[in-house]
N, C-alpha and C. Protein backbone atom coordinates (compact mmCIF):
# COMPACT_ATOMS: atom_id res chain seq x y z
N MET A 1 -40.33 19.74 16.21
CA MET A 1 -41.67 19.29 16.63
C MET A 1 -41.82 18.24 15.65
N ALA A 2 -42.42 17.13 16.07
CA ALA A 2 -42.88 15.69 15.22
C ALA A 2 -43.91 16.15 14.20
N LYS A 3 -44.05 15.32 13.53
CA LYS A 3 -45.07 15.67 12.13
C LYS A 3 -45.93 14.29 12.04
N THR A 4 -46.83 13.89 12.10
CA THR A 4 -47.32 12.34 11.58
C THR A 4 -47.54 12.52 10.11
N LEU A 5 -47.23 11.25 9.80
CA LEU A 5 -47.29 10.71 8.26
C LEU A 5 -48.02 9.81 8.22
N THR A 6 -48.89 9.71 7.30
CA THR A 6 -49.77 8.48 7.19
C THR A 6 -49.33 7.99 5.53
N ALA A 7 -49.00 6.55 5.29
CA ALA A 7 -48.59 6.31 4.21
C ALA A 7 -49.23 4.71 3.85
N ARG A 8 -49.57 4.47 2.49
CA ARG A 8 -50.14 3.32 2.26
C ARG A 8 -48.87 2.27 1.47
N LEU A 9 -49.26 1.08 2.46
CA LEU A 9 -48.06 0.15 2.03
C LEU A 9 -48.60 -0.85 1.31
N ASP A 10 -48.05 -1.65 0.32
CA ASP A 10 -48.89 -2.82 -0.54
C ASP A 10 -48.00 -3.92 0.72
N GLU A 11 -48.95 -4.94 0.33
CA GLU A 11 -48.68 -6.44 1.07
C GLU A 11 -47.00 -6.50 1.32
N LYS A 12 -46.43 -6.19 0.35
CA LYS A 12 -44.93 -6.88 0.60
C LYS A 12 -44.33 -5.51 1.25
N SER A 13 -44.57 -4.46 1.29
CA SER A 13 -43.89 -3.55 1.89
C SER A 13 -44.39 -3.84 3.31
N GLN A 14 -45.02 -3.74 3.56
CA GLN A 14 -46.02 -4.26 4.95
C GLN A 14 -45.11 -5.09 5.67
N ARG A 15 -45.04 -6.37 4.99
CA ARG A 15 -44.40 -7.79 5.61
C ARG A 15 -42.80 -7.17 5.84
N GLU A 16 -42.33 -6.62 4.72
CA GLU A 16 -40.66 -6.12 4.88
C GLU A 16 -40.43 -5.42 5.98
N LEU A 17 -41.49 -4.16 6.27
CA LEU A 17 -41.47 -3.41 7.23
C LEU A 17 -41.69 -3.86 8.76
N SER A 18 -42.81 -4.94 8.89
CA SER A 18 -42.83 -5.75 10.18
C SER A 18 -41.50 -6.92 10.46
N LYS A 19 -41.16 -7.36 9.19
CA LYS A 19 -39.90 -8.18 9.37
C LYS A 19 -38.71 -7.50 10.16
N LEU A 20 -38.34 -6.24 9.32
CA LEU A 20 -37.41 -5.18 9.83
C LEU A 20 -37.49 -4.69 11.21
N SER A 21 -38.76 -4.46 11.73
CA SER A 21 -38.97 -3.91 13.38
C SER A 21 -38.76 -5.26 13.89
N ARG A 22 -39.24 -6.39 13.65
CA ARG A 22 -38.79 -7.80 14.64
C ARG A 22 -37.27 -7.90 14.51
N THR A 23 -36.94 -8.25 13.64
CA THR A 23 -35.50 -7.89 13.69
C THR A 23 -34.39 -7.53 13.90
N LEU A 24 -34.95 -5.90 14.08
CA LEU A 24 -33.82 -5.17 14.71
C LEU A 24 -34.11 -4.65 15.87
N GLY A 25 -35.45 -4.61 16.24
CA GLY A 25 -36.16 -4.62 17.63
C GLY A 25 -36.51 -2.98 17.38
N LYS A 26 -36.92 -2.53 16.46
CA LYS A 26 -36.87 -0.91 16.23
C LYS A 26 -38.37 -0.85 15.97
N THR A 27 -39.21 0.11 16.21
CA THR A 27 -40.39 0.50 16.07
C THR A 27 -40.43 0.55 14.34
N GLU A 28 -41.61 0.50 13.66
CA GLU A 28 -41.62 1.06 12.34
C GLU A 28 -41.60 2.30 12.43
N SER A 29 -41.71 2.96 12.94
CA SER A 29 -41.53 4.35 12.95
C SER A 29 -39.90 4.65 12.70
N GLU A 30 -39.04 4.16 13.41
CA GLU A 30 -37.59 4.54 13.48
C GLU A 30 -37.34 4.00 12.20
N ILE A 31 -37.68 2.85 11.63
CA ILE A 31 -37.10 2.12 10.23
C ILE A 31 -37.43 3.16 9.20
N VAL A 32 -38.91 3.70 9.16
CA VAL A 32 -38.92 4.20 7.85
C VAL A 32 -38.05 6.25 8.42
N ARG A 33 -37.86 6.34 9.46
CA ARG A 33 -37.23 7.68 9.83
C ARG A 33 -35.58 7.24 9.00
N GLU A 34 -35.27 6.27 9.79
CA GLU A 34 -34.09 5.91 9.28
C GLU A 34 -33.61 5.46 7.81
N SER A 35 -34.77 5.16 7.28
CA SER A 35 -34.77 4.97 6.12
C SER A 35 -34.70 6.36 5.03
N ILE A 36 -35.65 7.25 5.43
CA ILE A 36 -35.31 8.80 4.88
C ILE A 36 -34.49 8.94 4.89
N HIS A 37 -33.56 9.10 6.07
CA HIS A 37 -32.32 9.81 5.97
C HIS A 37 -31.30 8.92 5.26
N LEU A 38 -31.26 7.54 5.06
CA LEU A 38 -30.27 7.24 4.32
C LEU A 38 -30.64 7.42 2.66
N MET A 39 -31.70 7.20 2.57
CA MET A 39 -32.26 7.85 0.95
C MET A 39 -31.46 9.19 0.67
N ALA A 40 -32.00 10.07 1.63
CA ALA A 40 -31.62 11.31 1.51
C ALA A 40 -29.99 11.66 1.29
N SER A 41 -29.38 10.66 1.74
CA SER A 41 -27.99 10.63 2.14
C SER A 41 -26.88 10.23 0.78
N THR A 42 -27.85 9.03 0.13
CA THR A 42 -27.59 8.42 -0.72
C THR A 42 -28.04 8.66 -2.53
N GLN A 43 -28.95 9.46 -2.38
CA GLN A 43 -29.63 9.73 -3.75
C GLN A 43 -29.21 10.58 -4.39
N ILE A 44 -29.73 11.04 -5.98
CA ILE A 44 -29.69 11.53 -6.50
C ILE A 44 -30.07 13.38 -6.09
N ILE A 45 -28.56 14.44 -5.83
CA ILE A 45 -29.35 15.55 -5.45
C ILE A 45 -29.29 16.74 -6.91
N VAL A 46 -30.05 17.66 -6.48
CA VAL A 46 -30.32 18.62 -7.76
C VAL A 46 -29.52 19.78 -7.52
N SER A 47 -28.17 19.82 -8.51
CA SER A 47 -27.33 21.14 -8.35
C SER A 47 -27.75 21.86 -9.64
N LYS A 48 -28.20 23.10 -9.55
CA LYS A 48 -28.63 24.26 -10.64
C LYS A 48 -29.27 23.58 -11.29
N GLY A 49 -30.13 22.89 -11.26
CA GLY A 49 -31.64 22.42 -11.83
C GLY A 49 -31.40 21.28 -12.57
N LYS A 50 -29.84 20.71 -12.32
CA LYS A 50 -29.46 19.40 -13.00
C LYS A 50 -29.38 18.08 -12.21
N PRO A 51 -29.98 16.76 -11.94
CA PRO A 51 -29.73 16.16 -11.03
C PRO A 51 -28.32 15.61 -11.24
N ARG A 52 -27.66 15.20 -10.20
CA ARG A 52 -26.42 14.59 -10.36
C ARG A 52 -26.33 13.38 -9.05
N MET A 53 -25.12 12.69 -9.22
CA MET A 53 -24.95 11.64 -8.14
C MET A 53 -23.97 12.28 -7.37
N ILE A 54 -24.35 11.65 -5.87
CA ILE A 54 -23.37 12.37 -4.92
C ILE A 54 -21.93 11.76 -4.88
N GLY A 55 -21.04 12.61 -5.11
CA GLY A 55 -19.71 12.03 -5.22
C GLY A 55 -19.08 12.13 -6.65
N LEU A 56 -20.32 12.05 -7.60
CA LEU A 56 -19.79 11.74 -9.05
C LEU A 56 -18.87 13.16 -9.32
N GLY A 57 -17.75 12.85 -9.83
CA GLY A 57 -16.74 13.86 -10.51
C GLY A 57 -16.02 14.60 -9.62
N GLN A 58 -15.96 14.15 -7.99
CA GLN A 58 -15.63 14.68 -7.27
C GLN A 58 -14.06 14.63 -7.01
N PHE A 59 -13.47 13.90 -7.79
CA PHE A 59 -12.18 13.54 -7.48
C PHE A 59 -11.32 13.56 -9.21
N ALA A 60 -10.12 14.05 -9.03
CA ALA A 60 -9.27 14.31 -10.29
C ALA A 60 -7.95 13.72 -10.14
N SER A 61 -7.68 12.43 -11.14
CA SER A 61 -6.54 11.54 -11.17
C SER A 61 -5.53 12.51 -11.99
N GLY A 62 -5.70 13.64 -12.99
CA GLY A 62 -5.00 13.94 -13.87
C GLY A 62 -4.92 13.41 -14.97
N LEU A 63 -5.55 12.05 -15.19
CA LEU A 63 -5.63 11.48 -16.40
C LEU A 63 -6.62 11.81 -17.29
N THR A 64 -6.46 11.81 -18.35
CA THR A 64 -7.65 12.45 -19.16
C THR A 64 -8.35 11.46 -19.70
N ASP A 65 -7.51 10.21 -19.99
CA ASP A 65 -7.97 9.04 -20.76
C ASP A 65 -8.50 7.95 -20.11
N LEU A 66 -8.33 8.25 -18.67
CA LEU A 66 -8.53 7.40 -17.62
C LEU A 66 -9.60 6.32 -17.79
N ALA A 67 -10.54 6.50 -18.53
CA ALA A 67 -11.97 5.77 -18.69
C ALA A 67 -11.75 5.18 -19.70
N SER A 68 -11.05 5.55 -20.70
CA SER A 68 -11.18 4.84 -22.17
C SER A 68 -9.68 3.87 -22.23
N ASN A 69 -8.51 4.17 -21.46
CA ASN A 69 -7.30 3.38 -21.93
C ASN A 69 -7.58 2.36 -21.07
N LYS A 70 -7.16 0.98 -21.74
CA LYS A 70 -6.96 -0.11 -21.22
C LYS A 70 -5.84 -0.39 -20.13
N LYS A 71 -4.64 0.40 -20.73
CA LYS A 71 -3.41 -0.18 -19.89
C LYS A 71 -3.65 0.33 -18.16
N TYR A 72 -4.66 1.09 -17.92
CA TYR A 72 -4.68 1.52 -16.81
C TYR A 72 -5.74 -0.10 -15.76
N LEU A 73 -6.00 -0.53 -16.59
CA LEU A 73 -6.87 -1.97 -15.77
C LEU A 73 -5.93 -3.14 -15.77
N ASP A 74 -4.24 -3.21 -16.20
CA ASP A 74 -3.44 -4.12 -16.18
C ASP A 74 -3.44 -4.74 -14.72
N ASP A 75 -3.17 -4.26 -13.79
CA ASP A 75 -3.13 -4.78 -12.44
C ASP A 75 -4.36 -4.80 -11.49
N PHE A 76 -5.52 -4.17 -12.31
CA PHE A 76 -6.67 -3.92 -11.61
C PHE A 76 -7.20 -5.44 -10.99
N GLY A 77 -7.45 -5.42 -9.35
CA GLY A 77 -8.31 -6.07 -9.01
C GLY A 77 -7.12 -7.36 -8.42
N GLN A 78 -5.73 -7.14 -8.46
CA GLN A 78 -4.98 -8.06 -8.14
C GLN A 78 -4.18 -7.89 -6.99
């Protein structure tokens, strides 16, 4: 079931929303819905009462000094 939401936008936000609507050929409602989904999928989530970033700490390199040892940066970016 769809729910109607009323939101107050400042002038800048309204201009940006209108511009996005024209540029993308989507309704303002579609843009707002997509923006909510995008934010929900990329923002901080709460786990056991503590905020955390999605994906943070999800990978194990096996190196205990990866963040502090400069030798791992020797070929970085090449």
